[in-house]
Amino acid sequence: MPPTPSLDALAAEFDCLMERAGIKIPPQRRSASLAAYADLRSQIALLHGRYAYTAEPSNVFSLAPRGDK
């Protein structure tokens, strides 16, 4: 898993992404939005770092509804 950036770097990244997307965050909601972004970023890193594509199952199960035969 990549290292977590500093709070200043994370805030700068967040501001840059919001500006690119054209999203205006009200000042009273910035700290909550930044905390949510930091959590989302850590969850994404956790999911991407856990398994390689080779760990995917080689088959997919498909079950028919109970009434069908």
PDB file of N, CA and C in Angstrom:
ATOM      1  N   MET A   1       0.845  -1.166   0.000  1.00  0.00           N
ATOM      2  CA  MET A   1       0.000   0.000   0.000  1.00  0.00           C
ATOM      3  C   MET A   1       0.892   1.231   0.000  1.00  0.00           C
ATOM      4  N   PRO A   2       0.555   2.228  -0.852  1.00  0.00           N
ATOM      5  CA  PRO A   2       1.394   3.429  -0.901  1.00  0.00           C
ATOM      6  C   PRO A   2       1.305   4.207   0.409  1.00  0.00           C
ATOM      7  N   PRO A   3       2.360   4.955   0.718  1.00  0.00           N
ATOM      8  CA  PRO A   3       2.335   5.723   1.965  1.00  0.00           C
ATOM      9  C   PRO A   3       1.259   6.810   1.925  1.00  0.00           C
ATOM     10  N   THR A   4       0.713   7.115   3.085  1.00  0.00           N
ATOM     11  CA  THR A   4      -0.301   8.155   3.198  1.00  0.00           C
ATOM     12  C   THR A   4       0.379   9.515   3.111  1.00  0.00           C
ATOM     13  N   PRO A   5      -0.135  10.410   2.264  1.00  0.00           N
ATOM     14  CA  PRO A   5       0.494  11.729   2.164  1.00  0.00           C
ATOM     15  C   PRO A   5       0.228  12.563   3.419  1.00  0.00           C
ATOM     16  N   SER A   6       0.992  13.610   3.591  1.00  0.00           N
ATOM     17  CA  SER A   6       0.788  14.507   4.730  1.00  0.00           C
ATOM     18  C   SER A   6      -0.574  15.196   4.593  1.00  0.00           C
ATOM     19  N   LEU A   7      -1.044  15.782   5.684  1.00  0.00           N
ATOM     20  CA  LEU A   7      -2.342  16.457   5.654  1.00  0.00           C
ATOM     21  C   LEU A   7      -2.353  17.617   4.667  1.00  0.00           C
ATOM     22  N   ASP A   8      -1.235  18.327   4.587  1.00  0.00           N
ATOM     23  CA  ASP A   8      -1.147  19.447   3.641  1.00  0.00           C
ATOM     24  C   ASP A   8      -1.198  18.955   2.198  1.00  0.00           C
ATOM     25  N   ALA A   9      -0.482  17.881   1.914  1.00  0.00           N
ATOM     26  CA  ALA A   9      -0.482  17.321   0.561  1.00  0.00           C
ATOM     27  C   ALA A   9      -1.862  16.774   0.205  1.00  0.00           C
ATOM     28  N   LEU A  10      -2.504  16.133   1.158  1.00  0.00           N
ATOM     29  CA  LEU A  10      -3.844  15.591   0.939  1.00  0.00           C
ATOM     30  C   LEU A  10      -4.844  16.718   0.666  1.00  0.00           C
ATOM     31  N   ALA A  11      -4.750  17.804   1.433  1.00  0.00           N
ATOM     32  CA  ALA A  11      -5.635  18.943   1.234  1.00  0.00           C
ATOM     33  C   ALA A  11      -5.398  19.589  -0.131  1.00  0.00           C
ATOM     34  N   ALA A  12      -4.148  19.696  -0.542  1.00  0.00           N
ATOM     35  CA  ALA A  12      -3.834  20.273  -1.853  1.00  0.00           C
ATOM     36  C   ALA A  12      -4.371  19.393  -2.971  1.00  0.00           C
ATOM     37  N   GLU A  13      -4.236  18.079  -2.823  1.00  0.00           N
ATOM     38  CA  GLU A  13      -4.768  17.138  -3.815  1.00  0.00           C
ATOM     39  C   GLU A  13      -6.288  17.247  -3.894  1.00  0.00           C
ATOM     40  N   PHE A  14      -6.934  17.306  -2.750  1.00  0.00           N
ATOM     41  CA  PHE A  14      -8.385  17.438  -2.683  1.00  0.00           C
ATOM     42  C   PHE A  14      -8.839  18.722  -3.365  1.00  0.00           C
ATOM     43  N   ASP A  15      -8.191  19.831  -3.053  1.00  0.00           N
ATOM     44  CA  ASP A  15      -8.554  21.119  -3.657  1.00  0.00           C
ATOM     45  C   ASP A  15      -8.376  21.088  -5.171  1.00  0.00           C
ATOM     46  N   CYS A  16      -7.303  20.480  -5.620  1.00  0.00           N
ATOM     47  CA  CYS A  16      -7.035  20.381  -7.053  1.00  0.00           C
ATOM     48  C   CYS A  16      -8.109  19.547  -7.750  1.00  0.00           C
ATOM     49  N   LEU A  17      -8.476  18.416  -7.159  1.00  0.00           N
ATOM     50  CA  LEU A  17      -9.501  17.561  -7.760  1.00  0.00           C
ATOM     51  C   LEU A  17     -10.870  18.230  -7.779  1.00  0.00           C
ATOM     52  N   MET A  18     -11.203  18.938  -6.718  1.00  0.00           N
ATOM     53  CA  MET A  18     -12.490  19.644  -6.684  1.00  0.00           C
ATOM     54  C   MET A  18     -12.529  20.767  -7.708  1.00  0.00           C
ATOM     55  N   GLU A  19     -11.404  21.452  -7.876  1.00  0.00           N
ATOM     56  CA  GLU A  19     -11.349  22.523  -8.866  1.00  0.00           C
ATOM     57  C   GLU A  19     -11.466  21.957 -10.276  1.00  0.00           C
ATOM     58  N   ARG A  20     -10.778  20.858 -10.551  1.00  0.00           N
ATOM     59  CA  ARG A  20     -10.869  20.227 -11.873  1.00  0.00           C
ATOM     60  C   ARG A  20     -12.292  19.790 -12.191  1.00  0.00           C
ATOM     61  N   ALA A  21     -12.996  19.285 -11.167  1.00  0.00           N
ATOM     62  CA  ALA A  21     -14.365  18.815 -11.361  1.00  0.00           C
ATOM     63  C   ALA A  21     -15.375  19.957 -11.365  1.00  0.00           C
ATOM     64  N   GLY A  22     -14.933  21.159 -11.009  1.00  0.00           N
ATOM     65  CA  GLY A  22     -15.835  22.295 -10.965  1.00  0.00           C
ATOM     66  C   GLY A  22     -16.756  22.292  -9.761  1.00  0.00           C
ATOM     67  N   ILE A  23     -16.336  21.643  -8.697  1.00  0.00           N
ATOM     68  CA  ILE A  23     -17.151  21.539  -7.481  1.00  0.00           C
ATOM     69  C   ILE A  23     -16.693  22.596  -6.489  1.00  0.00           C
ATOM     70  N   LYS A  24     -17.635  23.363  -6.001  1.00  0.00           N
ATOM     71  CA  LYS A  24     -17.354  24.394  -4.990  1.00  0.00           C
ATOM     72  C   LYS A  24     -17.790  23.852  -3.629  1.00  0.00           C
ATOM     73  N   ILE A  25     -16.845  23.657  -2.733  1.00  0.00           N
ATOM     74  CA  ILE A  25     -17.132  23.166  -1.383  1.00  0.00           C
ATOM     75  C   ILE A  25     -17.310  24.376  -0.467  1.00  0.00           C
ATOM     76  N   PRO A  26     -18.478  24.483   0.192  1.00  0.00           N
ATOM     77  CA  PRO A  26     -18.651  25.587   1.145  1.00  0.00           C
ATOM     78  C   PRO A  26     -17.626  25.480   2.269  1.00  0.00           C
ATOM     79  N   PRO A  27     -17.123  26.599   2.758  1.00  0.00           N
ATOM     80  CA  PRO A  27     -16.088  26.576   3.810  1.00  0.00           C
ATOM     81  C   PRO A  27     -16.497  25.791   5.055  1.00  0.00           C
ATOM     82  N   GLN A  28     -17.778  25.851   5.435  1.00  0.00           N
ATOM     83  CA  GLN A  28     -18.216  25.141   6.633  1.00  0.00           C
ATOM     84  C   GLN A  28     -18.270  23.623   6.426  1.00  0.00           C
ATOM     85  N   ARG A  29     -18.182  23.167   5.190  1.00  0.00           N
ATOM     86  CA  ARG A  29     -18.216  21.727   4.920  1.00  0.00           C
ATOM     87  C   ARG A  29     -16.876  21.179   4.454  1.00  0.00           C
ATOM     88  N   ARG A  30     -15.888  22.021   4.319  1.00  0.00           N
ATOM     89  CA  ARG A  30     -14.594  21.586   3.782  1.00  0.00           C
ATOM     90  C   ARG A  30     -13.918  20.546   4.666  1.00  0.00           C
ATOM     91  N   SER A  31     -13.910  20.743   5.969  1.00  0.00           N
ATOM     92  CA  SER A  31     -13.205  19.803   6.845  1.00  0.00           C
ATOM     93  C   SER A  31     -13.864  18.420   6.805  1.00  0.00           C
ATOM     94  N   ALA A  32     -15.189  18.361   6.777  1.00  0.00           N
ATOM     95  CA  ALA A  32     -15.882  17.068   6.695  1.00  0.00           C
ATOM     96  C   ALA A  32     -15.645  16.416   5.334  1.00  0.00           C
ATOM     97  N   SER A  33     -15.664  17.213   4.265  1.00  0.00           N
ATOM     98  CA  SER A  33     -15.415  16.679   2.918  1.00  0.00           C
ATOM     99  C   SER A  33     -13.986  16.175   2.788  1.00  0.00           C
ATOM    100  N   LEU A  34     -13.046  16.899   3.368  1.00  0.00           N
ATOM    101  CA  LEU A  34     -11.648  16.482   3.327  1.00  0.00           C
ATOM    102  C   LEU A  34     -11.439  15.189   4.111  1.00  0.00           C
ATOM    103  N   ALA A  35     -12.109  15.051   5.254  1.00  0.00           N
ATOM    104  CA  ALA A  35     -12.006  13.809   6.035  1.00  0.00           C
ATOM    105  C   ALA A  35     -12.603  12.635   5.262  1.00  0.00           C
ATOM    106  N   ALA A  36     -13.725  12.865   4.590  1.00  0.00           N
ATOM    107  CA  ALA A  36     -14.344  11.806   3.784  1.00  0.00           C
ATOM    108  C   ALA A  36     -13.436  11.421   2.615  1.00  0.00           C
ATOM    109  N   TYR A  37     -12.798  12.414   1.989  1.00  0.00           N
ATOM    110  CA  TYR A  37     -11.878  12.135   0.893  1.00  0.00           C
ATOM    111  C   TYR A  37     -10.675  11.318   1.376  1.00  0.00           C
ATOM    112  N   ALA A  38     -10.145  11.665   2.530  1.00  0.00           N
ATOM    113  CA  ALA A  38      -9.002  10.926   3.078  1.00  0.00           C
ATOM    114  C   ALA A  38      -9.395   9.472   3.360  1.00  0.00           C
ATOM    115  N   ASP A  39     -10.585   9.268   3.894  1.00  0.00           N
ATOM    116  CA  ASP A  39     -11.055   7.913   4.160  1.00  0.00           C
ATOM    117  C   ASP A  39     -11.259   7.144   2.860  1.00  0.00           C
ATOM    118  N   LEU A  40     -11.887   7.780   1.880  1.00  0.00           N
ATOM    119  CA  LEU A  40     -12.104   7.128   0.587  1.00  0.00           C
ATOM    120  C   LEU A  40     -10.777   6.762  -0.064  1.00  0.00           C
ATOM    121  N   ARG A  41      -9.818   7.664  -0.003  1.00  0.00           N
ATOM    122  CA  ARG A  41      -8.501   7.403  -0.597  1.00  0.00           C
ATOM    123  C   ARG A  41      -7.811   6.212   0.062  1.00  0.00           C
ATOM    124  N   SER A  42      -7.927   6.101   1.379  1.00  0.00           N
ATOM    125  CA  SER A  42      -7.298   4.971   2.076  1.00  0.00           C
ATOM    126  C   SER A  42      -8.014   3.662   1.761  1.00  0.00           C
ATOM    127  N   GLN A  43      -9.334   3.706   1.599  1.00  0.00           N
ATOM    128  CA  GLN A  43     -10.082   2.496   1.255  1.00  0.00           C
ATOM    129  C   GLN A  43      -9.737   2.028  -0.159  1.00  0.00           C
ATOM    130  N   ILE A  44      -9.611   2.951  -1.081  1.00  0.00           N
ATOM    131  CA  ILE A  44      -9.236   2.599  -2.452  1.00  0.00           C
ATOM    132  C   ILE A  44      -7.843   1.973  -2.470  1.00  0.00           C
ATOM    133  N   ALA A  45      -6.916   2.544  -1.732  1.00  0.00           N
ATOM    134  CA  ALA A  45      -5.554   1.989  -1.671  1.00  0.00           C
ATOM    135  C   ALA A  45      -5.577   0.588  -1.068  1.00  0.00           C
ATOM    136  N   LEU A  46      -6.410   0.385  -0.069  1.00  0.00           N
ATOM    137  CA  LEU A  46      -6.517  -0.928   0.550  1.00  0.00           C
ATOM    138  C   LEU A  46      -7.056  -1.953  -0.438  1.00  0.00           C
ATOM    139  N   LEU A  47      -8.086  -1.591  -1.176  1.00  0.00           N
ATOM    140  CA  LEU A  47      -8.676  -2.523  -2.140  1.00  0.00           C
ATOM    141  C   LEU A  47      -7.739  -2.833  -3.295  1.00  0.00           C
ATOM    142  N   HIS A  48      -7.031  -1.821  -3.783  1.00  0.00           N
ATOM    143  CA  HIS A  48      -6.133  -2.047  -4.911  1.00  0.00           C
ATOM    144  C   HIS A  48      -4.877  -2.815  -4.504  1.00  0.00           C
ATOM    145  N   GLY A  49      -4.479  -2.725  -3.275  1.00  0.00           N
ATOM    146  CA  GLY A  49      -3.260  -3.384  -2.849  1.00  0.00           C
ATOM    147  C   GLY A  49      -3.449  -4.799  -2.340  1.00  0.00           C
ATOM    148  N   ARG A  50      -4.688  -5.215  -2.141  1.00  0.00           N
ATOM    149  CA  ARG A  50      -4.931  -6.493  -1.500  1.00  0.00           C
ATOM    150  C   ARG A  50      -4.696  -7.690  -2.424  1.00  0.00           C
ATOM    151  N   TYR A  51      -5.254  -7.673  -3.596  1.00  0.00           N
ATOM    152  CA  TYR A  51      -5.179  -8.835  -4.488  1.00  0.00           C
ATOM    153  C   TYR A  51      -4.715  -8.426  -5.879  1.00  0.00           C
ATOM    154  N   ALA A  52      -4.012  -9.316  -6.520  1.00  0.00           N
ATOM    155  CA  ALA A  52      -3.639  -9.113  -7.915  1.00  0.00           C
ATOM    156  C   ALA A  52      -4.737  -9.706  -8.795  1.00  0.00           C
ATOM    157  N   TYR A  53      -4.707  -9.406 -10.071  1.00  0.00           N
ATOM    158  CA  TYR A  53      -5.723  -9.935 -10.965  1.00  0.00           C
ATOM    159  C   TYR A  53      -5.675 -11.463 -11.030  1.00  0.00           C
ATOM    160  N   THR A  54      -4.535 -12.053 -10.709  1.00  0.00           N
ATOM    161  CA  THR A  54      -4.414 -13.514 -10.736  1.00  0.00           C
ATOM    162  C   THR A  54      -5.176 -14.184  -9.595  1.00  0.00           C
ATOM    163  N   ALA A  55      -5.587 -13.414  -8.593  1.00  0.00           N
ATOM    164  CA  ALA A  55      -6.333 -13.980  -7.477  1.00  0.00           C
ATOM    165  C   ALA A  55      -7.840 -14.028  -7.762  1.00  0.00           C
ATOM    166  N   GLU A  56      -8.265 -13.525  -8.913  1.00  0.00           N
ATOM    167  CA  GLU A  56      -9.682 -13.555  -9.260  1.00  0.00           C
ATOM    168  C   GLU A  56     -10.126 -15.004  -9.476  1.00  0.00           C
ATOM    169  N   PRO A  57     -11.374 -15.318  -9.158  1.00  0.00           N
ATOM    170  CA  PRO A  57     -11.845 -16.692  -9.363  1.00  0.00           C
ATOM    171  C   PRO A  57     -11.879 -17.040 -10.853  1.00  0.00           C
ATOM    172  N   SER A  58     -11.649 -18.293 -11.145  1.00  0.00           N
ATOM    173  CA  SER A  58     -11.619 -18.720 -12.542  1.00  0.00           C
ATOM    174  C   SER A  58     -13.002 -19.086 -13.057  1.00  0.00           C
ATOM    175  N   ASN A  59     -13.991 -19.068 -12.210  1.00  0.00           N
ATOM    176  CA  ASN A  59     -15.333 -19.398 -12.656  1.00  0.00           C
ATOM    177  C   ASN A  59     -16.342 -18.470 -11.979  1.00  0.00           C
ATOM    178  N   VAL A  60     -17.537 -18.450 -12.546  1.00  0.00           N
ATOM    179  CA  VAL A  60     -18.615 -17.620 -12.003  1.00  0.00           C
ATOM    180  C   VAL A  60     -19.824 -18.515 -11.806  1.00  0.00           C
ATOM    181  N   PHE A  61     -20.439 -18.407 -10.656  1.00  0.00           N
ATOM    182  CA  PHE A  61     -21.616 -19.225 -10.382  1.00  0.00           C
ATOM    183  C   PHE A  61     -22.865 -18.472 -10.828  1.00  0.00           C
ATOM    184  N   SER A  62     -23.788 -19.220 -11.417  1.00  0.00           N
ATOM    185  CA  SER A  62     -25.072 -18.658 -11.841  1.00  0.00           C
ATOM    186  C   SER A  62     -26.145 -19.608 -11.357  1.00  0.00           C
ATOM    187  N   LEU A  63     -26.991 -19.120 -10.483  1.00  0.00           N
ATOM    188  CA  LEU A  63     -28.051 -19.957  -9.940  1.00  0.00           C
ATOM    189  C   LEU A  63     -29.388 -19.541 -10.528  1.00  0.00           C
ATOM    190  N   ALA A  64     -30.184 -20.536 -10.917  1.00  0.00           N
ATOM    191  CA  ALA A  64     -31.522 -20.259 -11.456  1.00  0.00           C
ATOM    192  C   ALA A  64     -32.489 -20.063 -10.288  1.00  0.00           C
ATOM    193  N   PRO A  65     -33.504 -19.233 -10.480  1.00  0.00           N
ATOM    194  CA  PRO A  65     -34.516 -19.086  -9.430  1.00  0.00           C
ATOM    195  C   PRO A  65     -35.163 -20.430  -9.112  1.00  0.00           C
ATOM    196  N   ARG A  66     -35.685 -20.568  -7.925  1.00  0.00           N
ATOM    197  CA  ARG A  66     -36.197 -21.837  -7.415  1.00  0.00           C
ATOM    198  C   ARG A  66     -37.292 -22.454  -8.280  1.00  0.00           C
ATOM    199  N   GLY A  67     -38.163 -21.650  -8.896  1.00  0.00           N
ATOM    200  CA  GLY A  67     -39.269 -22.186  -9.684  1.00  0.00           C
ATOM    201  C   GLY A  67     -38.842 -22.702 -11.053  1.00  0.00           C
ATOM    202  N   ASP A  68     -37.723 -22.261 -11.576  1.00  0.00           N
ATOM    203  CA  ASP A  68     -37.260 -22.702 -12.907  1.00  0.00           C
ATOM    204  C   ASP A  68     -36.573 -24.041 -12.829  1.00  0.00           C
ATOM    205  N   LYS A  69     -36.680 -24.812 -13.901  1.00  0.00           N
ATOM    206  CA  LYS A  69     -36.027 -26.116 -13.962  1.00  0.00           C
ATOM    207  C   LYS A  69     -35.182 -26.223 -15.192  1.00  0.00           C
TER     208      LYS A  69
END
